[in-house]
Amino acid sequence: MPSRTSINTLEELFEVDIEEDDVDTVFGLLTKILGRMPIVGSSAVTHGLRLTAADSAGRRKKISTIIVEPANEDEDNKSTKNESDS
């Protein structure tokens, strides 16, 4: 989904309640979980969802697409972060 997708849209699509008052977009949520700007391949799990930075665009290579999918049971029980060097 586009990285600018609102948290409200994400909540509706996946039927989850994300109580993050200080972020408005999927990109903001991923950035907050990681604690820094995501790069392509960055991934984190929160609220039962895995968010993975999939594509970048522009001169600054800002993340433009984030794959959001249900996390598996092991990931769902804890919040995880994963960085890719690619």
Protein backbone atom coordinates (compact mmCIF):
# COMPACT_ATOMS: atom_id res chain seq x y z
CA MET A 1 0.00 0.00 0.00
CA PRO A 2 1.21 3.57 -0.48
CA SER A 3 3.32 4.74 2.44
CA ARG A 4 1.04 7.78 2.84
CA THR A 5 -1.98 5.57 3.59
CA SER A 6 -3.67 6.80 6.76
CA ILE A 7 -3.68 4.79 9.97
CA ASN A 8 -7.50 4.96 9.88
CA THR A 9 -7.54 3.22 6.49
CA LEU A 10 -5.12 0.58 7.77
CA GLU A 11 -7.36 -0.04 10.78
CA GLU A 12 -10.41 -0.47 8.55
CA LEU A 13 -8.70 -2.79 6.06
CA PHE A 14 -7.25 -5.13 8.68
CA GLU A 15 -9.91 -4.66 11.36
CA VAL A 16 -7.39 -3.67 14.04
CA ASP A 17 -7.24 -0.83 16.54
CA ILE A 18 -3.95 1.05 16.37
CA GLU A 19 -3.75 3.55 19.20
CA GLU A 20 -0.82 5.65 18.03
CA ASP A 21 -1.76 9.30 18.50
CA ASP A 22 1.54 10.70 17.25
CA VAL A 23 1.52 9.08 13.77
CA ASP A 24 -0.93 9.55 10.90
CA THR A 25 0.38 7.27 8.14
CA VAL A 26 1.67 3.74 7.62
CA PHE A 27 5.12 5.26 6.95
CA GLY A 28 4.97 7.12 10.26
CA LEU A 29 3.99 3.94 12.09
CA LEU A 30 6.89 1.96 10.61
CA THR A 31 9.30 4.79 11.38
CA LYS A 32 8.13 4.93 14.99
CA ILE A 33 8.45 1.17 15.49
CA LEU A 34 11.95 1.08 14.00
CA GLY A 35 13.09 4.19 15.82
CA ARG A 36 14.58 5.62 12.61
CA MET A 37 13.82 6.19 8.95
CA PRO A 38 13.13 2.86 7.22
CA ILE A 39 15.09 1.67 4.19
CA VAL A 40 13.90 -0.82 1.57
CA GLY A 41 13.71 -4.19 3.31
CA SER A 42 13.12 -2.76 6.80
CA SER A 43 10.42 -4.71 8.56
CA ALA A 44 8.61 -4.61 11.90
CA VAL A 45 5.62 -6.22 13.58
CA THR A 46 2.99 -4.37 15.59
CA HIS A 47 -0.67 -4.91 16.44
CA GLY A 48 -0.57 -8.32 14.70
CA LEU A 49 0.63 -6.83 11.41
CA ARG A 50 3.99 -7.08 9.66
CA LEU A 51 5.00 -3.84 7.89
CA THR A 52 7.78 -4.12 5.30
CA ALA A 53 9.26 -1.21 3.34
CA ALA A 54 9.10 -2.49 -0.22
CA ASP A 55 9.90 0.35 -2.64
CA SER A 56 11.43 3.81 -2.71
CA ALA A 57 11.08 6.73 -5.08
CA GLY A 58 12.57 10.11 -5.78
CA ARG A 59 16.03 11.56 -5.36
CA ARG A 60 16.04 10.95 -1.64
CA LYS A 61 14.87 7.36 -2.04
CA LYS A 62 11.98 7.89 0.38
CA ILE A 63 9.88 4.77 0.98
CA SER A 64 6.84 4.89 -1.31
CA THR A 65 5.31 1.44 -0.77
CA ILE A 66 4.87 -0.61 2.39
CA ILE A 67 3.65 -4.19 2.36
CA VAL A 68 1.24 -4.83 5.23
CA GLU A 69 0.26 -8.40 6.05
CA PRO A 70 -0.94 -10.35 9.07
CA ALA A 71 1.98 -11.45 11.25
CA ASN A 72 2.36 -15.13 12.04
CA GLU A 73 1.56 -16.31 15.58
CA ASP A 74 5.18 -16.20 16.79
CA GLU A 75 5.58 -12.61 15.61
CA ASP A 76 2.15 -11.62 16.90
CA ASN A 77 3.17 -12.35 20.50
CA LYS A 78 5.96 -9.80 20.44
CA SER A 79 7.00 -6.69 18.56
CA THR A 80 9.94 -7.41 16.29
CA LYS A 81 12.29 -5.38 14.12
CA ASN A 82 14.34 -6.62 11.20
CA GLU A 83 16.76 -4.63 9.04
CA SER A 84 17.96 -5.68 5.62
CA ASP A 85 21.26 -4.44 4.22
CA SER A 86 20.07 -4.74 0.61
